């Protein structure tokens, strides 16, 4: 928690001034973490911290981008195996969402993790949930990730030069040989990582809008990496 308090403070040294001064800065970071973990409403958070709904909203809106920045750039070691997978996050706002296979208005977010320790390498911006994984990856992480020779993905990334997907036979079907069984074990790492991210209830029913959705996903990923560092 000390790291979480010190880093945003260094990025925003004037955070203790202005209308947010009603709550000490060391208490604002737990407020944001609690909001991500439990997905409580602004009214519920306001009653817990003894402030108004609008003040809670301002605190979260100001700190969320700085927490997201703690995710940092991807590592540069080209020997590490990265695994990419997409996940659907139900979102209330209609601006970036679309009805998808979970029958709800969702966004598609791409997550890249490191196979060795399940550390999140990068997360992509939210796209409508009815878009295929390969399309979202190309338009988000495919444009920003550094050139990496070892990125693995499932069959949904077929045709993407940046991602290695399972081998297919002449009939277009995946060849389920010994290599495919090893691939499935590696792919499970990404699924387990996304499951750990979704321990934060904000990713199960997100009430954020616009760019705040991306800040929430990156902030949760930063908290996940910090937990790995402390463990």
Protein backbone atom coordinates (compact mmCIF):
# COMPACT_ATOMS: atom_id res chain seq x y z
CA UNK A 1 0.00 0.00 0.00
CA UNK A 2 2.91 2.35 0.68
CA UNK A 3 4.09 1.88 -2.91
CA UNK A 4 0.60 2.63 -4.21
CA UNK A 5 0.47 5.84 -2.19
CA UNK A 6 3.97 7.07 -3.04
CA UNK A 7 3.89 6.49 -6.79
CA UNK A 8 0.69 8.43 -7.64
CA UNK A 9 1.87 11.17 -5.24
CA UNK A 10 5.10 11.55 -7.24
CA UNK A 11 3.15 11.71 -10.48
CA UNK A 12 0.68 14.27 -9.10
CA UNK A 13 2.34 16.30 -6.33
CA UNK A 14 -0.59 18.76 -6.06
CA UNK A 15 -3.05 15.97 -5.26
CA UNK A 16 -3.61 17.29 -1.73
CA UNK A 17 -4.93 20.66 -2.85
CA UNK A 18 -8.28 21.81 -4.06
CA UNK A 19 -11.66 20.28 -3.45
CA UNK A 20 -10.25 16.77 -2.95
CA UNK A 21 -8.47 18.01 0.20
CA UNK A 22 -11.46 16.90 2.26
CA UNK A 23 -9.92 13.40 2.27
CA UNK A 24 -6.19 12.91 3.03
CA UNK A 25 -4.25 11.59 0.07
CA UNK A 26 -3.18 8.29 1.78
CA UNK A 27 -6.89 7.52 2.18
CA UNK A 28 -7.77 8.21 -1.45
CA UNK A 29 -5.70 5.33 -2.82
CA UNK A 30 -7.53 2.73 -0.66
CA UNK A 31 -10.76 4.34 -1.85
CA UNK A 32 -9.83 3.68 -5.48
CA UNK A 33 -8.60 0.13 -4.76
CA UNK A 34 -11.79 -0.63 -2.85
CA UNK A 35 -13.89 0.71 -5.71
CA UNK A 36 -12.14 -1.62 -8.16
CA UNK A 37 -12.24 -4.62 -5.86
CA UNK A 38 -15.86 -4.44 -4.74
CA UNK A 39 -17.50 -2.29 -7.46
CA UNK A 40 -19.54 -0.47 -4.82
CA UNK A 41 -21.64 2.46 -6.02
CA UNK A 42 -20.58 6.05 -5.43
CA UNK A 43 -23.28 6.37 -2.75
CA UNK A 44 -21.97 3.32 -0.87
CA UNK A 45 -18.36 4.51 -1.04
CA UNK A 46 -19.41 7.98 0.09
CA UNK A 47 -21.12 6.57 3.19
CA UNK A 48 -18.04 4.47 4.04
CA UNK A 49 -15.59 7.38 3.76
CA UNK A 50 -17.87 10.09 5.08
CA UNK A 51 -18.01 12.32 2.03
CA UNK A 52 -20.35 13.25 -0.80
CA UNK A 53 -20.97 11.24 -3.96
CA UNK A 54 -19.45 13.94 -6.15
CA UNK A 55 -16.24 14.00 -4.09
CA UNK A 56 -15.87 10.23 -4.42
CA UNK A 57 -16.34 10.53 -8.17
CA UNK A 58 -13.68 13.25 -8.41
CA UNK A 59 -11.18 11.24 -6.35
CA UNK A 60 -11.61 8.15 -8.53
CA UNK A 61 -11.53 10.14 -11.79
CA UNK A 62 -8.29 11.90 -10.83
CA UNK A 63 -6.39 8.91 -9.45
CA UNK A 64 -7.48 6.23 -11.95
CA UNK A 65 -5.17 7.41 -14.80
CA UNK A 66 -2.16 7.50 -12.46
CA UNK A 67 -2.84 4.00 -11.16
CA UNK A 68 -3.15 2.79 -14.77
CA UNK A 69 0.28 4.24 -15.57
CA UNK A 70 1.85 1.98 -12.95
CA UNK A 71 1.40 -0.94 -15.36
CA UNK A 72 4.40 0.43 -17.20
CA UNK A 73 5.83 -0.48 -20.60
CA UNK A 74 6.22 -4.12 -21.73
CA UNK A 75 9.49 -5.85 -20.82
CA UNK A 76 12.18 -6.00 -23.46
CA UNK A 77 13.39 -9.60 -23.03
CA UNK A 78 12.59 -11.29 -26.37
CA UNK A 79 13.24 -14.77 -24.95
CA UNK A 80 10.13 -14.73 -22.76
CA UNK A 81 6.94 -16.40 -24.00
CA UNK A 82 3.93 -14.08 -24.09
CA UNK A 83 0.36 -15.32 -24.31
CA UNK A 84 -2.54 -13.21 -25.54
CA UNK A 85 -6.22 -13.76 -24.94
CA UNK A 86 -9.35 -11.65 -25.09
CA UNK A 87 -12.06 -11.21 -22.50
CA UNK A 88 -15.54 -9.67 -22.51
CA UNK A 89 -16.32 -7.08 -19.85
CA UNK A 90 -19.98 -6.09 -19.38
CA UNK A 91 -20.25 -2.28 -19.43
CA UNK A 92 -23.28 -0.09 -18.77
CA UNK A 93 -22.42 2.77 -21.13
CA UNK A 94 -23.55 2.23 -24.74
CA UNK A 95 -20.84 4.32 -26.44
CA UNK A 96 -18.19 1.58 -26.79
CA UNK A 97 -20.25 -1.54 -26.24
CA UNK A 98 -22.16 -4.01 -28.39
CA UNK A 99 -24.24 -7.09 -27.70
CA UNK A 100 -21.93 -10.10 -27.82
CA UNK A 101 -21.95 -13.81 -27.14
CA UNK A 102 -22.64 -13.26 -23.43
CA UNK A 103 -25.94 -11.61 -24.47
CA UNK A 104 -25.02 -8.36 -22.77
CA UNK A 105 -23.52 -5.06 -23.84
CA UNK A 106 -19.82 -5.70 -23.47
CA UNK A 107 -16.38 -4.59 -24.56
CA UNK A 108 -13.58 -6.80 -25.84
CA UNK A 109 -10.23 -6.23 -24.09
CA UNK A 110 -7.01 -7.99 -25.11
CA UNK A 111 -4.66 -9.10 -22.33
CA UNK A 112 -1.04 -10.18 -22.86
CA UNK A 113 0.66 -12.02 -20.00
CA UNK A 114 4.06 -13.60 -19.46
CA UNK A 115 3.92 -17.39 -19.35
CA UNK A 116 6.65 -17.76 -16.74
CA UNK A 117 4.96 -15.91 -13.87
CA UNK A 118 1.53 -14.77 -15.19
CA UNK A 119 2.59 -11.14 -15.05
CA UNK A 120 0.45 -8.88 -17.23
CA UNK A 121 2.61 -7.40 -19.99
CA UNK A 122 0.01 -5.15 -21.63
CA UNK A 123 -3.71 -4.59 -21.97
CA UNK A 124 -5.44 -3.17 -25.02
CA UNK A 125 -8.08 -0.48 -25.28
CA UNK A 126 -11.70 -1.54 -25.09
CA UNK A 127 -13.50 -2.29 -28.34
CA UNK A 128 -17.12 -3.34 -28.90
CA UNK A 129 -17.74 -6.86 -27.66
CA UNK A 130 -18.99 -8.19 -31.00
CA UNK A 131 -15.57 -7.81 -32.64
CA UNK A 132 -13.34 -10.84 -33.10
CA UNK A 133 -10.20 -11.19 -31.01
CA UNK A 134 -7.89 -10.99 -34.02
CA UNK A 135 -9.47 -7.72 -35.18
CA UNK A 136 -9.26 -6.10 -31.76
CA UNK A 137 -5.65 -7.25 -31.28
CA UNK A 138 -4.53 -5.86 -34.62
CA UNK A 139 -6.14 -2.48 -34.00
CA UNK A 140 -4.99 -2.08 -30.39
CA UNK A 141 -2.00 -4.03 -29.10
CA UNK A 142 -0.83 -4.95 -32.59
CA UNK A 143 -0.07 -1.27 -33.19
CA UNK A 144 1.60 -0.54 -29.85
CA UNK A 145 3.42 -3.70 -28.71
CA UNK A 146 7.13 -3.95 -29.54
CA UNK A 147 8.18 -6.57 -32.06
CA UNK A 148 8.24 -9.82 -30.10
CA UNK A 149 8.93 -13.22 -31.72
CA UNK A 150 7.15 -15.33 -29.10
CA UNK A 151 3.50 -14.33 -28.78
CA UNK A 152 1.08 -17.25 -28.62
CA UNK A 153 -2.71 -17.20 -28.98
CA UNK A 154 -5.63 -19.54 -29.54
CA UNK A 155 -7.37 -20.38 -32.80
CA UNK A 156 -9.16 -17.02 -32.80
CA UNK A 157 -5.93 -15.31 -33.89
CA UNK A 158 -5.65 -17.25 -37.13
CA UNK A 159 -4.13 -15.13 -39.86
CA UNK A 160 -2.38 -12.69 -37.52
CA UNK A 161 1.33 -12.60 -38.30
CA UNK A 162 2.25 -11.33 -34.82
CA UNK A 163 0.61 -14.24 -32.98
CA UNK A 164 1.41 -17.93 -33.27
CA UNK A 165 -1.78 -19.98 -33.28
CA UNK A 166 -2.33 -23.79 -33.39
CA UNK A 167 -1.36 -25.59 -36.58
CA UNK A 168 -4.20 -26.46 -38.94
CA UNK A 169 -4.55 -29.24 -41.47
CA UNK A 170 -5.56 -29.00 -45.15
CA UNK A 171 -9.22 -29.02 -44.13
CA UNK A 172 -8.73 -25.92 -41.95
CA UNK A 173 -9.23 -27.75 -38.68
CA UNK A 174 -6.77 -27.61 -35.80
CA UNK A 175 -4.41 -30.58 -35.70
CA UNK A 176 -4.77 -31.99 -32.18
CA UNK A 177 -1.39 -33.64 -31.82
CA UNK A 178 1.21 -33.56 -29.05
CA UNK A 179 2.16 -29.96 -29.89
CA UNK A 180 -1.47 -28.91 -29.53
CA UNK A 181 -1.67 -30.45 -26.06
CA UNK A 182 1.39 -28.48 -24.98
CA UNK A 183 -0.16 -25.38 -26.50
CA UNK A 184 -3.33 -25.84 -24.48
CA UNK A 185 -1.33 -25.91 -21.24
CA UNK A 186 0.36 -22.64 -22.18
CA UNK A 187 -2.94 -21.07 -23.15
CA UNK A 188 -4.40 -21.94 -19.75
CA UNK A 189 -1.95 -19.45 -18.24
CA UNK A 190 -3.75 -16.58 -19.95
CA UNK A 191 -7.15 -17.86 -18.87
CA UNK A 192 -6.01 -18.15 -15.25
CA UNK A 193 -4.52 -14.65 -15.36
CA UNK A 194 -7.75 -13.15 -16.67
CA UNK A 195 -9.66 -15.02 -13.97
CA UNK A 196 -7.42 -13.43 -11.33
CA UNK A 197 -7.98 -10.00 -12.84
CA UNK A 198 -11.72 -10.55 -12.64
CA UNK A 199 -11.48 -11.09 -8.91
CA UNK A 200 -11.88 -7.31 -9.07
CA UNK A 201 -15.62 -6.87 -9.48
CA UNK A 202 -15.18 -3.74 -11.60
CA UNK A 203 -14.36 -6.10 -14.52
CA UNK A 204 -17.54 -8.10 -14.04
CA UNK A 205 -20.00 -5.22 -14.25
CA UNK A 206 -18.19 -2.02 -15.17
CA UNK A 207 -20.03 1.24 -14.62
CA UNK A 208 -17.27 3.39 -16.10
CA UNK A 209 -17.53 5.16 -19.42
CA UNK A 210 -15.23 6.18 -22.23
CA UNK A 211 -11.53 6.27 -21.41
CA UNK A 212 -12.29 5.40 -17.78
CA UNK A 213 -12.91 1.80 -18.89
CA UNK A 214 -9.32 1.54 -20.15
CA UNK A 215 -8.02 3.13 -16.94
CA UNK A 216 -9.92 0.58 -14.88
CA UNK A 217 -8.54 -2.43 -16.79
CA UNK A 218 -4.95 -1.13 -16.73
CA UNK A 219 -5.26 -0.21 -13.05
CA UNK A 220 -6.46 -3.70 -12.13
CA UNK A 221 -3.57 -5.18 -14.14
CA UNK A 222 -1.12 -2.96 -12.22
CA UNK A 223 -2.58 -4.17 -8.91
CA UNK A 224 -2.25 -7.78 -10.12
CA UNK A 225 1.44 -7.29 -10.98
CA UNK A 226 2.09 -5.59 -7.65
CA UNK A 227 0.58 -8.56 -5.85
CA UNK A 228 2.92 -10.89 -7.76
CA UNK A 229 5.91 -8.73 -6.81
CA UNK A 230 4.97 -8.85 -3.13
CA UNK A 231 4.27 -12.59 -3.20
